[in-house]
Amino acid sequence: MARWVRPAAQVELLLTPFDPDLDPGHWEPLTGCRAAVWRIDALAPLGRVKFSAGLPARLPEGADAGWDGGQALAAITVEDATTRLTVGGDDEEAICCAAFEGEAPRRWAALRGEVYDRSFSTWGVDFGDHHGMSWTLPPLEAGDHCELPVVAAWAPAEAAERCGNTWQAVMPSSKMLLAHVTALPAQRADAPHAD
């Protein structure tokens, strides 16, 4: 876990290996999976907060990257002849729904109309040039708390193409990831802190 405390906010980044518990009868095994949860507690009003999950500016030769979202998921998949990597997290609709779960400020639930009319929205997910994603959150007020999950999963390209296991693996909510992280107290206790 890394932690930053500033006058306007406290931010934590929780990182962990993650087992998405895919049904082996339906999904091919993954090569690996890692999860991150960004948590922010606003200590003062914040106009914009932006988190990102980036890929190298130059992909390996023969690799192709593209948007792979859907079903409340913002995701990018990168694939070459041997490996498929999917990085995913909440899309705008999921961010609004997280307000009902206590993972985002309650008033964000009222922003669902902006999800489908991007002409007036100043927040959301940006896929840029498919070398990662960035999430610009709606404004935060003092006392607000929000959480943003990001998962990366990779597998052999052929197996992933057959069953979509990397895509399925990147769909868990912050609540599920936080439950996983808090079940690993030894890892959290030894993690470095950045104040």
N, C-alpha and C. Protein backbone atom coordinates (compact mmCIF):
# COMPACT_ATOMS: atom_id res chain seq x y z
N MET A 1 0.84 -1.17 0.00
CA MET A 1 0.00 0.00 0.00
C MET A 1 0.89 1.24 0.00
N ALA A 2 0.54 2.21 -0.80
CA ALA A 2 1.20 3.51 -0.77
C ALA A 2 0.17 4.53 -0.34
N ARG A 3 0.62 5.56 0.38
CA ARG A 3 -0.32 6.54 0.93
C ARG A 3 0.30 7.93 0.83
N TRP A 4 -0.52 8.87 0.35
CA TRP A 4 -0.09 10.26 0.24
C TRP A 4 -1.10 11.11 0.99
N VAL A 5 -0.59 12.02 1.82
CA VAL A 5 -1.46 12.95 2.54
C VAL A 5 -1.06 14.36 2.14
N ARG A 6 -2.01 15.09 1.63
CA ARG A 6 -1.81 16.48 1.22
C ARG A 6 -2.89 17.32 1.89
N PRO A 7 -2.77 18.63 1.87
CA PRO A 7 -3.79 19.45 2.54
C PRO A 7 -5.20 19.22 2.00
N ALA A 8 -5.35 18.90 0.71
CA ALA A 8 -6.68 18.77 0.14
C ALA A 8 -7.20 17.34 0.11
N ALA A 9 -6.32 16.33 0.27
CA ALA A 9 -6.79 14.95 0.13
C ALA A 9 -5.80 13.96 0.73
N GLN A 10 -6.35 12.80 1.08
CA GLN A 10 -5.55 11.64 1.42
C GLN A 10 -5.81 10.60 0.36
N VAL A 11 -4.76 10.05 -0.23
CA VAL A 11 -4.90 9.08 -1.32
C VAL A 11 -4.14 7.81 -0.95
N GLU A 12 -4.76 6.68 -1.17
CA GLU A 12 -4.11 5.38 -0.96
C GLU A 12 -4.17 4.60 -2.25
N LEU A 13 -3.10 3.87 -2.52
CA LEU A 13 -3.06 2.94 -3.64
C LEU A 13 -2.75 1.56 -3.07
N LEU A 14 -3.72 0.66 -3.18
CA LEU A 14 -3.56 -0.71 -2.71
C LEU A 14 -3.26 -1.59 -3.93
N LEU A 15 -2.16 -2.33 -3.89
CA LEU A 15 -1.75 -3.21 -4.97
C LEU A 15 -1.62 -4.62 -4.45
N THR A 16 -2.06 -5.60 -5.24
CA THR A 16 -1.98 -6.99 -4.79
C THR A 16 -2.09 -7.95 -5.97
N PRO A 17 -1.43 -9.11 -5.85
CA PRO A 17 -1.79 -10.19 -6.78
C PRO A 17 -3.26 -10.51 -6.55
N PHE A 18 -3.94 -10.94 -7.58
CA PHE A 18 -5.38 -11.15 -7.45
C PHE A 18 -5.79 -12.43 -8.16
N ASP A 19 -6.58 -13.23 -7.49
CA ASP A 19 -7.16 -14.42 -8.09
C ASP A 19 -8.63 -14.14 -8.32
N PRO A 20 -9.03 -13.90 -9.58
CA PRO A 20 -10.43 -13.58 -9.84
C PRO A 20 -11.39 -14.75 -9.69
N ASP A 21 -10.87 -15.93 -9.30
CA ASP A 21 -11.70 -17.09 -9.03
C ASP A 21 -12.58 -17.44 -10.22
N LEU A 22 -11.95 -17.54 -11.40
CA LEU A 22 -12.68 -17.92 -12.61
C LEU A 22 -13.00 -19.41 -12.57
N ASP A 23 -14.20 -19.77 -12.94
CA ASP A 23 -14.63 -21.16 -12.97
C ASP A 23 -13.78 -21.94 -13.97
N PRO A 24 -12.96 -22.91 -13.50
CA PRO A 24 -12.08 -23.65 -14.43
C PRO A 24 -12.86 -24.48 -15.45
N GLY A 25 -14.12 -24.75 -15.18
CA GLY A 25 -14.93 -25.49 -16.15
C GLY A 25 -15.34 -24.64 -17.33
N HIS A 26 -15.20 -23.32 -17.19
CA HIS A 26 -15.63 -22.41 -18.26
C HIS A 26 -14.50 -21.54 -18.80
N TRP A 27 -13.55 -21.17 -17.92
CA TRP A 27 -12.50 -20.22 -18.30
C TRP A 27 -11.14 -20.89 -18.30
N GLU A 28 -10.34 -20.58 -19.29
CA GLU A 28 -8.95 -21.05 -19.33
C GLU A 28 -8.17 -20.36 -18.21
N PRO A 29 -7.11 -20.99 -17.69
CA PRO A 29 -6.34 -20.35 -16.62
C PRO A 29 -5.59 -19.11 -17.11
N LEU A 30 -5.40 -18.18 -16.20
CA LEU A 30 -4.63 -16.98 -16.49
C LEU A 30 -3.15 -17.25 -16.22
N THR A 31 -2.29 -16.49 -16.87
CA THR A 31 -0.87 -16.52 -16.54
C THR A 31 -0.63 -15.72 -15.28
N GLY A 32 -1.34 -14.59 -15.14
CA GLY A 32 -1.21 -13.75 -13.96
C GLY A 32 -2.29 -12.71 -13.91
N CYS A 33 -2.45 -12.12 -12.72
CA CYS A 33 -3.46 -11.08 -12.53
C CYS A 33 -3.02 -10.22 -11.35
N ARG A 34 -3.12 -8.91 -11.51
CA ARG A 34 -2.80 -7.96 -10.45
C ARG A 34 -3.94 -6.96 -10.33
N ALA A 35 -4.18 -6.52 -9.11
CA ALA A 35 -5.27 -5.57 -8.87
C ALA A 35 -4.74 -4.35 -8.13
N ALA A 36 -5.39 -3.24 -8.40
CA ALA A 36 -5.10 -1.99 -7.70
C ALA A 36 -6.43 -1.35 -7.35
N VAL A 37 -6.47 -0.73 -6.19
CA VAL A 37 -7.63 0.08 -5.81
C VAL A 37 -7.09 1.43 -5.37
N TRP A 38 -7.51 2.48 -6.08
CA TRP A 38 -7.22 3.85 -5.67
C TRP A 38 -8.33 4.26 -4.71
N ARG A 39 -7.95 4.81 -3.55
CA ARG A 39 -8.92 5.34 -2.59
C ARG A 39 -8.57 6.78 -2.29
N ILE A 40 -9.57 7.63 -2.34
CA ILE A 40 -9.32 9.04 -2.05
C ILE A 40 -10.34 9.55 -1.03
N ASP A 41 -9.83 10.27 -0.06
CA ASP A 41 -10.67 10.96 0.92
C ASP A 41 -10.37 12.45 0.76
N ALA A 42 -11.38 13.20 0.32
CA ALA A 42 -11.22 14.64 0.12
C ALA A 42 -11.27 15.36 1.46
N LEU A 43 -10.29 16.19 1.70
CA LEU A 43 -10.23 17.00 2.91
C LEU A 43 -10.67 18.43 2.63
N ALA A 44 -10.79 18.75 1.35
CA ALA A 44 -11.24 20.06 0.88
C ALA A 44 -11.89 19.83 -0.49
N PRO A 45 -12.66 20.78 -1.01
CA PRO A 45 -13.25 20.59 -2.35
C PRO A 45 -12.16 20.39 -3.40
N LEU A 46 -12.40 19.41 -4.29
CA LEU A 46 -11.48 19.10 -5.38
C LEU A 46 -12.25 19.16 -6.69
N GLY A 47 -11.84 20.03 -7.59
CA GLY A 47 -12.53 20.18 -8.87
C GLY A 47 -12.36 18.97 -9.76
N ARG A 48 -11.16 18.47 -9.85
CA ARG A 48 -10.90 17.31 -10.70
C ARG A 48 -9.85 16.42 -10.07
N VAL A 49 -10.10 15.13 -10.11
CA VAL A 49 -9.13 14.13 -9.68
C VAL A 49 -8.98 13.17 -10.85
N LYS A 50 -7.75 12.89 -11.23
CA LYS A 50 -7.51 12.04 -12.38
C LYS A 50 -6.56 10.91 -11.99
N PHE A 51 -6.97 9.67 -12.30
CA PHE A 51 -6.14 8.48 -12.09
C PHE A 51 -5.86 7.88 -13.46
N SER A 52 -4.74 7.19 -13.59
CA SER A 52 -4.46 6.57 -14.88
C SER A 52 -3.82 5.20 -14.70
N ALA A 53 -3.99 4.38 -15.72
CA ALA A 53 -3.34 3.07 -15.82
C ALA A 53 -2.74 3.04 -17.22
N GLY A 54 -1.42 3.17 -17.29
CA GLY A 54 -0.78 3.32 -18.59
C GLY A 54 -0.07 2.07 -19.06
N LEU A 55 0.12 2.03 -20.35
CA LEU A 55 0.91 1.01 -21.02
C LEU A 55 2.12 1.72 -21.62
N PRO A 56 3.14 0.98 -22.01
CA PRO A 56 4.29 1.64 -22.62
C PRO A 56 3.87 2.46 -23.85
N ALA A 57 4.52 3.59 -24.04
CA ALA A 57 4.21 4.44 -25.19
C ALA A 57 4.45 3.70 -26.50
N ARG A 58 5.41 2.81 -26.47
CA ARG A 58 5.70 2.02 -27.68
C ARG A 58 5.45 0.55 -27.35
N LEU A 59 4.44 -0.02 -27.98
CA LEU A 59 4.12 -1.43 -27.74
C LEU A 59 5.14 -2.32 -28.44
N PRO A 60 5.30 -3.55 -27.97
CA PRO A 60 6.21 -4.48 -28.66
C PRO A 60 5.79 -4.67 -30.11
N GLU A 61 6.76 -4.92 -30.94
CA GLU A 61 6.48 -5.12 -32.36
C GLU A 61 5.48 -6.26 -32.54
N GLY A 62 4.48 -6.03 -33.35
CA GLY A 62 3.46 -7.04 -33.62
C GLY A 62 2.29 -6.99 -32.66
N ALA A 63 2.37 -6.16 -31.64
CA ALA A 63 1.28 -6.06 -30.66
C ALA A 63 0.23 -5.07 -31.16
N ASP A 64 -1.01 -5.37 -30.84
CA ASP A 64 -2.13 -4.50 -31.22
C ASP A 64 -2.93 -4.20 -29.96
N ALA A 65 -3.39 -2.95 -29.83
CA ALA A 65 -4.16 -2.54 -28.65
C ALA A 65 -5.46 -1.93 -29.09
N GLY A 66 -6.50 -2.13 -28.31
CA GLY A 66 -7.79 -1.53 -28.63
C GLY A 66 -8.74 -1.53 -27.45
N TRP A 67 -9.76 -0.70 -27.56
CA TRP A 67 -10.79 -0.61 -26.54
C TRP A 67 -11.49 -1.96 -26.44
N ASP A 68 -11.82 -2.38 -25.21
CA ASP A 68 -12.44 -3.69 -24.99
C ASP A 68 -13.47 -3.61 -23.87
N GLY A 69 -14.13 -2.46 -23.73
CA GLY A 69 -15.07 -2.27 -22.64
C GLY A 69 -16.46 -2.77 -22.94
N GLY A 70 -17.32 -2.63 -21.96
CA GLY A 70 -18.71 -3.04 -22.06
C GLY A 70 -19.21 -3.53 -20.72
N GLN A 71 -20.53 -3.52 -20.52
CA GLN A 71 -21.13 -4.01 -19.28
C GLN A 71 -20.53 -3.35 -18.05
N ALA A 72 -20.51 -2.02 -18.03
CA ALA A 72 -20.01 -1.20 -16.92
C ALA A 72 -18.50 -1.31 -16.76
N LEU A 73 -17.81 -1.76 -17.80
CA LEU A 73 -16.37 -1.96 -17.75
C LEU A 73 -15.67 -1.08 -18.78
N ALA A 74 -14.67 -0.34 -18.34
CA ALA A 74 -13.76 0.37 -19.24
C ALA A 74 -12.51 -0.50 -19.33
N ALA A 75 -12.13 -0.90 -20.52
CA ALA A 75 -11.00 -1.82 -20.65
C ALA A 75 -10.27 -1.61 -21.96
N ILE A 76 -8.99 -1.94 -21.93
CA ILE A 76 -8.13 -1.98 -23.11
C ILE A 76 -7.48 -3.35 -23.12
N THR A 77 -7.41 -3.94 -24.30
CA THR A 77 -6.71 -5.21 -24.45
C THR A 77 -5.55 -5.03 -25.43
N VAL A 78 -4.41 -5.57 -25.04
CA VAL A 78 -3.21 -5.56 -25.88
C VAL A 78 -2.87 -7.01 -26.16
N GLU A 79 -2.59 -7.31 -27.41
CA GLU A 79 -2.33 -8.70 -27.77
C GLU A 79 -1.25 -8.78 -28.83
N ASP A 80 -0.38 -9.77 -28.67
CA ASP A 80 0.56 -10.11 -29.75
C ASP A 80 0.38 -11.59 -30.04
N ALA A 81 1.30 -12.21 -30.72
CA ALA A 81 1.13 -13.61 -31.12
C ALA A 81 1.10 -14.57 -29.94
N THR A 82 1.66 -14.17 -28.80
CA THR A 82 1.76 -15.10 -27.68
C THR A 82 0.91 -14.75 -26.46
N THR A 83 0.65 -13.48 -26.23
CA THR A 83 0.03 -13.06 -24.97
C THR A 83 -1.08 -12.05 -25.20
N ARG A 84 -2.12 -12.16 -24.38
CA ARG A 84 -3.18 -11.15 -24.34
C ARG A 84 -3.21 -10.55 -22.94
N LEU A 85 -3.17 -9.21 -22.86
CA LEU A 85 -3.24 -8.48 -21.60
C LEU A 85 -4.47 -7.58 -21.66
N THR A 86 -5.31 -7.66 -20.63
CA THR A 86 -6.46 -6.77 -20.52
C THR A 86 -6.32 -5.97 -19.23
N VAL A 87 -6.49 -4.65 -19.34
CA VAL A 87 -6.49 -3.75 -18.19
C VAL A 87 -7.87 -3.13 -18.13
N GLY A 88 -8.53 -3.23 -16.98
CA GLY A 88 -9.89 -2.71 -16.90
C GLY A 88 -10.25 -2.16 -15.54
N GLY A 89 -11.28 -1.34 -15.56
CA GLY A 89 -11.83 -0.76 -14.34
C GLY A 89 -13.22 -0.25 -14.62
N ASP A 90 -13.77 0.50 -13.68
CA ASP A 90 -15.14 1.00 -13.82
C ASP A 90 -15.25 1.99 -14.98
N ASP A 91 -16.33 1.88 -15.75
CA ASP A 91 -16.65 2.92 -16.72
C ASP A 91 -17.53 3.96 -16.03
N GLU A 92 -18.01 4.94 -16.78
CA GLU A 92 -18.78 6.03 -16.18
C GLU A 92 -20.05 5.53 -15.49
N GLU A 93 -20.74 4.59 -16.12
CA GLU A 93 -21.97 4.06 -15.51
C GLU A 93 -21.66 3.35 -14.19
N ALA A 94 -20.57 2.57 -14.18
CA ALA A 94 -20.20 1.86 -12.96
C ALA A 94 -19.79 2.84 -11.85
N ILE A 95 -19.15 3.95 -12.23
CA ILE A 95 -18.78 4.96 -11.24
C ILE A 95 -20.04 5.54 -10.60
N CYS A 96 -21.06 5.82 -11.41
CA CYS A 96 -22.32 6.32 -10.86
C CYS A 96 -22.98 5.27 -9.96
N CYS A 97 -22.97 4.03 -10.38
CA CYS A 97 -23.59 2.96 -9.58
C CYS A 97 -22.82 2.72 -8.28
N ALA A 98 -21.49 2.97 -8.29
CA ALA A 98 -20.69 2.80 -7.08
C ALA A 98 -21.17 3.71 -5.96
N ALA A 99 -21.87 4.78 -6.33
CA ALA A 99 -22.41 5.70 -5.32
C ALA A 99 -23.42 4.99 -4.42
N PHE A 100 -24.13 4.01 -4.95
CA PHE A 100 -25.11 3.27 -4.16
C PHE A 100 -24.45 2.28 -3.22
N GLU A 101 -23.20 1.93 -3.49
CA GLU A 101 -22.47 0.95 -2.68
C GLU A 101 -21.55 1.60 -1.66
N GLY A 102 -21.51 2.92 -1.62
CA GLY A 102 -20.62 3.61 -0.70
C GLY A 102 -19.20 3.71 -1.20
N GLU A 103 -18.97 3.36 -2.48
CA GLU A 103 -17.64 3.42 -3.06
C GLU A 103 -17.39 4.76 -3.74
N ALA A 104 -18.38 5.64 -3.75
CA ALA A 104 -18.29 6.97 -4.35
C ALA A 104 -19.32 7.86 -3.66
N PRO A 105 -19.17 9.18 -3.77
CA PRO A 105 -20.17 10.07 -3.16
C PRO A 105 -21.57 9.80 -3.68
N ARG A 106 -22.54 9.78 -2.79
CA ARG A 106 -23.92 9.44 -3.12
C ARG A 106 -24.49 10.30 -4.25
N ARG A 107 -24.12 11.58 -4.29
CA ARG A 107 -24.68 12.48 -5.31
C ARG A 107 -24.24 12.11 -6.72
N TRP A 108 -23.16 11.31 -6.86
CA TRP A 108 -22.72 10.91 -8.20
C TRP A 108 -23.75 10.03 -8.90
N ALA A 109 -24.62 9.40 -8.14
CA ALA A 109 -25.66 8.56 -8.77
C ALA A 109 -26.54 9.40 -9.70
N ALA A 110 -26.71 10.68 -9.39
CA ALA A 110 -27.54 11.57 -10.22
C ALA A 110 -26.86 11.95 -11.53
N LEU A 111 -25.60 11.58 -11.70
CA LEU A 111 -24.86 11.94 -12.92
C LEU A 111 -25.02 10.92 -14.04
N ARG A 112 -25.86 9.92 -13.84
CA ARG A 112 -25.99 8.85 -14.85
C ARG A 112 -26.39 9.38 -16.22
N GLY A 113 -27.17 10.48 -16.27
CA GLY A 113 -27.56 11.05 -17.55
C GLY A 113 -26.37 11.56 -18.35
N GLU A 114 -25.32 12.00 -17.67
CA GLU A 114 -24.13 12.50 -18.35
C GLU A 114 -23.34 11.39 -19.02
N VAL A 115 -23.54 10.16 -18.57
CA VAL A 115 -22.81 9.03 -19.14
C VAL A 115 -23.09 8.91 -20.64
N TYR A 116 -24.30 9.21 -21.04
CA TYR A 116 -24.70 9.01 -22.44
C TYR A 116 -24.72 10.30 -23.24
N ASP A 117 -24.49 11.43 -22.59
CA ASP A 117 -24.44 12.70 -23.31
C ASP A 117 -23.13 13.38 -22.94
N ARG A 118 -22.08 13.01 -23.63
CA ARG A 118 -20.74 13.49 -23.32
C ARG A 118 -20.53 14.95 -23.71
N SER A 119 -21.51 15.58 -24.38
CA SER A 119 -21.31 16.95 -24.85
C SER A 119 -21.16 17.95 -23.71
N PHE A 120 -21.72 17.66 -22.54
CA PHE A 120 -21.60 18.61 -21.44
C PHE A 120 -20.84 18.05 -20.24
N SER A 121 -20.33 16.85 -20.36
CA SER A 121 -19.65 16.22 -19.23
C SER A 121 -18.17 16.60 -19.21
N THR A 122 -17.66 16.83 -18.02
CA THR A 122 -16.24 17.14 -17.86
C THR A 122 -15.52 16.03 -17.10
N TRP A 123 -16.15 14.88 -16.97
CA TRP A 123 -15.54 13.76 -16.27
C TRP A 123 -15.77 12.50 -17.10
N GLY A 124 -15.03 11.46 -16.80
CA GLY A 124 -15.23 10.19 -17.50
C GLY A 124 -13.91 9.48 -17.78
N VAL A 125 -14.00 8.46 -18.62
CA VAL A 125 -12.85 7.63 -18.95
C VAL A 125 -12.32 8.04 -20.32
N ASP A 126 -11.01 8.20 -20.40
CA ASP A 126 -10.36 8.57 -21.66
C ASP A 126 -9.42 7.44 -22.07
N PHE A 127 -9.63 6.93 -23.27
CA PHE A 127 -8.79 5.84 -23.77
C PHE A 127 -7.61 6.37 -24.57
N GLY A 128 -7.54 7.67 -24.78
CA GLY A 128 -6.40 8.26 -25.47
C GLY A 128 -6.07 7.52 -26.75
N ASP A 129 -4.83 7.16 -26.88
CA ASP A 129 -4.38 6.44 -28.10
C ASP A 129 -4.23 4.95 -27.84
N HIS A 130 -5.02 4.43 -26.91
CA HIS A 130 -5.01 3.00 -26.55
C HIS A 130 -3.69 2.55 -25.92
N HIS A 131 -3.00 3.47 -25.27
CA HIS A 131 -1.80 3.11 -24.51
C HIS A 131 -2.08 3.22 -23.02
N GLY A 132 -3.33 3.04 -22.67
CA GLY A 132 -3.76 3.11 -21.29
C GLY A 132 -5.07 3.85 -21.19
N MET A 133 -5.51 4.06 -19.97
CA MET A 133 -6.76 4.77 -19.73
C MET A 133 -6.55 5.75 -18.61
N SER A 134 -7.37 6.79 -18.60
CA SER A 134 -7.38 7.69 -17.45
C SER A 134 -8.82 7.94 -17.06
N TRP A 135 -9.03 8.05 -15.76
CA TRP A 135 -10.35 8.31 -15.20
C TRP A 135 -10.31 9.70 -14.59
N THR A 136 -11.13 10.61 -15.09
CA THR A 136 -11.31 11.92 -14.46
C THR A 136 -12.62 11.84 -13.70
N LEU A 137 -12.55 12.00 -12.39
CA LEU A 137 -13.73 11.83 -11.55
C LEU A 137 -14.54 13.12 -11.47
N PRO A 138 -15.82 13.01 -11.17
CA PRO A 138 -16.62 14.22 -10.89
C PRO A 138 -16.04 14.95 -9.68
N PRO A 139 -16.40 16.21 -9.50
CA PRO A 139 -15.88 16.98 -8.36
C PRO A 139 -16.17 16.30 -7.02
N LEU A 140 -15.24 16.50 -6.10
CA LEU A 140 -15.36 15.98 -4.74
C LEU A 140 -15.50 17.13 -3.77
N GLU A 141 -16.29 16.92 -2.73
CA GLU A 141 -16.44 17.90 -1.65
C GLU A 141 -15.68 17.40 -0.43
N ALA A 142 -15.35 18.29 0.48
CA ALA A 142 -14.68 17.89 1.72
C ALA A 142 -15.50 16.81 2.41
N GLY A 143 -14.85 15.75 2.82
CA GLY A 143 -15.53 14.63 3.48
C GLY A 143 -15.92 13.51 2.54
N ASP A 144 -15.84 13.72 1.22
CA ASP A 144 -16.18 12.68 0.24
C ASP A 144 -15.12 11.58 0.23
N HIS A 145 -15.57 10.39 -0.08
CA HIS A 145 -14.69 9.22 -0.21
C HIS A 145 -15.04 8.52 -1.52
N CYS A 146 -14.04 8.09 -2.27
CA CYS A 146 -14.33 7.27 -3.45
C CYS A 146 -13.22 6.25 -3.65
N GLU A 147 -13.56 5.20 -4.38
CA GLU A 147 -12.65 4.10 -4.65
C GLU A 147 -12.74 3.76 -6.12
N LEU A 148 -11.60 3.46 -6.73
CA LEU A 148 -11.57 3.12 -8.15
C LEU A 148 -10.73 1.87 -8.34
N PRO A 149 -11.35 0.75 -8.77
CA PRO A 149 -10.59 -0.47 -8.98
C PRO A 149 -10.00 -0.52 -10.40
N VAL A 150 -8.80 -1.08 -10.50
CA VAL A 150 -8.16 -1.33 -11.79
C VAL A 150 -7.53 -2.71 -11.69
N VAL A 151 -7.76 -3.56 -12.70
CA VAL A 151 -7.22 -4.91 -12.70
C VAL A 151 -6.52 -5.16 -14.02
N ALA A 152 -5.38 -5.83 -13.96
CA ALA A 152 -4.66 -6.27 -15.16
C ALA A 152 -4.57 -7.79 -15.12
N ALA A 153 -4.96 -8.43 -16.22
CA ALA A 153 -4.91 -9.90 -16.31
C ALA A 153 -4.28 -10.28 -17.63
N TRP A 154 -3.48 -11.34 -17.63
CA TRP A 154 -2.87 -11.77 -18.88
C TRP A 154 -2.88 -13.29 -18.96
N ALA A 155 -2.85 -13.77 -20.22
CA ALA A 155 -2.95 -15.20 -20.49
C ALA A 155 -2.38 -15.46 -21.88
N PRO A 156 -2.12 -16.73 -22.21
CA PRO A 156 -1.71 -17.03 -23.58
C PRO A 156 -2.77 -16.54 -24.57
N ALA A 157 -2.34 -15.92 -25.65
CA ALA A 157 -3.27 -15.29 -26.59
C ALA A 157 -4.31 -16.26 -27.13
N GLU A 158 -3.91 -17.46 -27.47
CA GLU A 158 -4.85 -18.42 -28.06
C GLU A 158 -5.95 -18.79 -27.08
N ALA A 159 -5.58 -19.07 -25.82
CA ALA A 159 -6.58 -19.43 -24.81
C ALA A 159 -7.51 -18.26 -24.53
N ALA A 160 -6.95 -17.06 -24.42
CA ALA A 160 -7.76 -15.88 -24.13
C ALA A 160 -8.72 -15.59 -25.28
N GLU A 161 -8.27 -15.81 -26.50
CA GLU A 161 -9.14 -15.58 -27.67
C GLU A 161 -10.34 -16.53 -27.64
N ARG A 162 -10.10 -17.77 -27.22
CA ARG A 162 -11.19 -18.76 -27.18
C ARG A 162 -12.24 -18.44 -26.14
N CYS A 163 -11.82 -17.93 -24.97
CA CYS A 163 -12.79 -17.84 -23.88
C CYS A 163 -12.95 -16.45 -23.27
N GLY A 164 -12.11 -15.51 -23.60
CA GLY A 164 -12.26 -14.17 -23.02
C GLY A 164 -11.93 -14.10 -21.54
N ASN A 165 -11.03 -14.97 -21.07
CA ASN A 165 -10.74 -15.02 -19.63
C ASN A 165 -10.11 -13.74 -19.10
N THR A 166 -9.28 -13.06 -19.87
CA THR A 166 -8.66 -11.84 -19.35
C THR A 166 -9.72 -10.75 -19.17
N TRP A 167 -10.68 -10.69 -20.07
CA TRP A 167 -11.76 -9.70 -19.96
C TRP A 167 -12.61 -9.98 -18.72
N GLN A 168 -12.97 -11.22 -18.52
CA GLN A 168 -13.78 -11.60 -17.36
C GLN A 168 -13.05 -11.30 -16.06
N ALA A 169 -11.74 -11.47 -16.05
CA ALA A 169 -10.95 -11.30 -14.83
C ALA A 169 -10.86 -9.85 -14.36
N VAL A 170 -11.06 -8.88 -15.26
CA VAL A 170 -10.87 -7.47 -14.87
C VAL A 170 -12.16 -6.79 -14.45
N MET A 171 -13.21 -7.53 -14.17
CA MET A 171 -14.52 -6.96 -13.86
C MET A 171 -14.87 -6.79 -12.38
N PRO A 172 -14.05 -7.15 -11.39
CA PRO A 172 -14.51 -7.05 -10.00
C PRO A 172 -14.65 -5.61 -9.52
N SER A 173 -15.50 -5.43 -8.52
CA SER A 173 -15.74 -4.10 -7.95
C SER A 173 -14.66 -3.77 -6.91
N SER A 174 -14.61 -2.51 -6.52
CA SER A 174 -13.70 -2.09 -5.45
C SER A 174 -13.97 -2.88 -4.18
N LYS A 175 -15.26 -3.07 -3.87
CA LYS A 175 -15.63 -3.77 -2.64
C LYS A 175 -15.04 -5.19 -2.62
N MET A 176 -15.13 -5.89 -3.75
CA MET A 176 -14.58 -7.24 -3.84
C MET A 176 -13.05 -7.20 -3.70
N LEU A 177 -12.40 -6.25 -4.39
CA LEU A 177 -10.95 -6.15 -4.31
C LEU A 177 -10.49 -5.75 -2.91
N LEU A 178 -11.21 -4.83 -2.28
CA LEU A 178 -10.84 -4.42 -0.93
C LEU A 178 -10.98 -5.58 0.05
N ALA A 179 -12.01 -6.40 -0.12
CA ALA A 179 -12.16 -7.57 0.74
C ALA A 179 -10.97 -8.50 0.57
N HIS A 180 -10.51 -8.65 -0.67
CA HIS A 180 -9.34 -9.49 -0.95
C HIS A 180 -8.08 -8.90 -0.29
N VAL A 181 -7.88 -7.60 -0.46
CA VAL A 181 -6.70 -6.94 0.09
C VAL A 181 -6.69 -7.00 1.62
N THR A 182 -7.83 -6.75 2.25
CA THR A 182 -7.87 -6.75 3.71
C THR A 182 -7.75 -8.15 4.29
N ALA A 183 -7.95 -9.17 3.47
CA ALA A 183 -7.75 -10.55 3.92
C ALA A 183 -6.26 -10.90 3.96
N LEU A 184 -5.40 -9.99 3.51
CA LEU A 184 -3.96 -10.22 3.49
C LEU A 184 -3.25 -9.24 4.43
N PRO A 185 -3.50 -9.33 5.76
CA PRO A 185 -2.96 -8.33 6.68
C PRO A 185 -1.44 -8.28 6.72
N ALA A 186 -0.76 -9.39 6.53
CA ALA A 186 0.71 -9.38 6.58
C ALA A 186 1.28 -8.55 5.45
N GLN A 187 0.69 -8.64 4.27
CA GLN A 187 1.18 -7.85 3.14
C GLN A 187 0.95 -6.37 3.40
N ARG A 188 -0.20 -6.01 3.95
CA ARG A 188 -0.49 -4.60 4.20
C ARG A 188 0.42 -4.03 5.28
N ALA A 189 0.71 -4.82 6.30
CA ALA A 189 1.53 -4.31 7.40
C ALA A 189 2.95 -4.03 6.95
N ASP A 190 3.46 -4.80 5.99
CA ASP A 190 4.83 -4.63 5.53
C ASP A 190 4.95 -3.66 4.37
N ALA A 191 3.84 -3.15 3.87
CA ALA A 191 3.88 -2.30 2.69
C ALA A 191 4.45 -0.92 3.03
N PRO A 192 5.17 -0.32 2.06
CA PRO A 192 5.74 1.00 2.32
C PRO A 192 4.66 2.08 2.30
N HIS A 193 4.90 3.17 3.01
CA HIS A 193 3.99 4.31 3.04
C HIS A 193 4.74 5.51 2.50
N ALA A 194 4.06 6.30 1.69
CA ALA A 194 4.63 7.56 1.19
C ALA A 194 3.78 8.69 1.73
N ASP A 195 4.28 9.46 2.65
CA ASP A 195 3.51 10.57 3.23
C ASP A 195 4.07 11.89 2.76
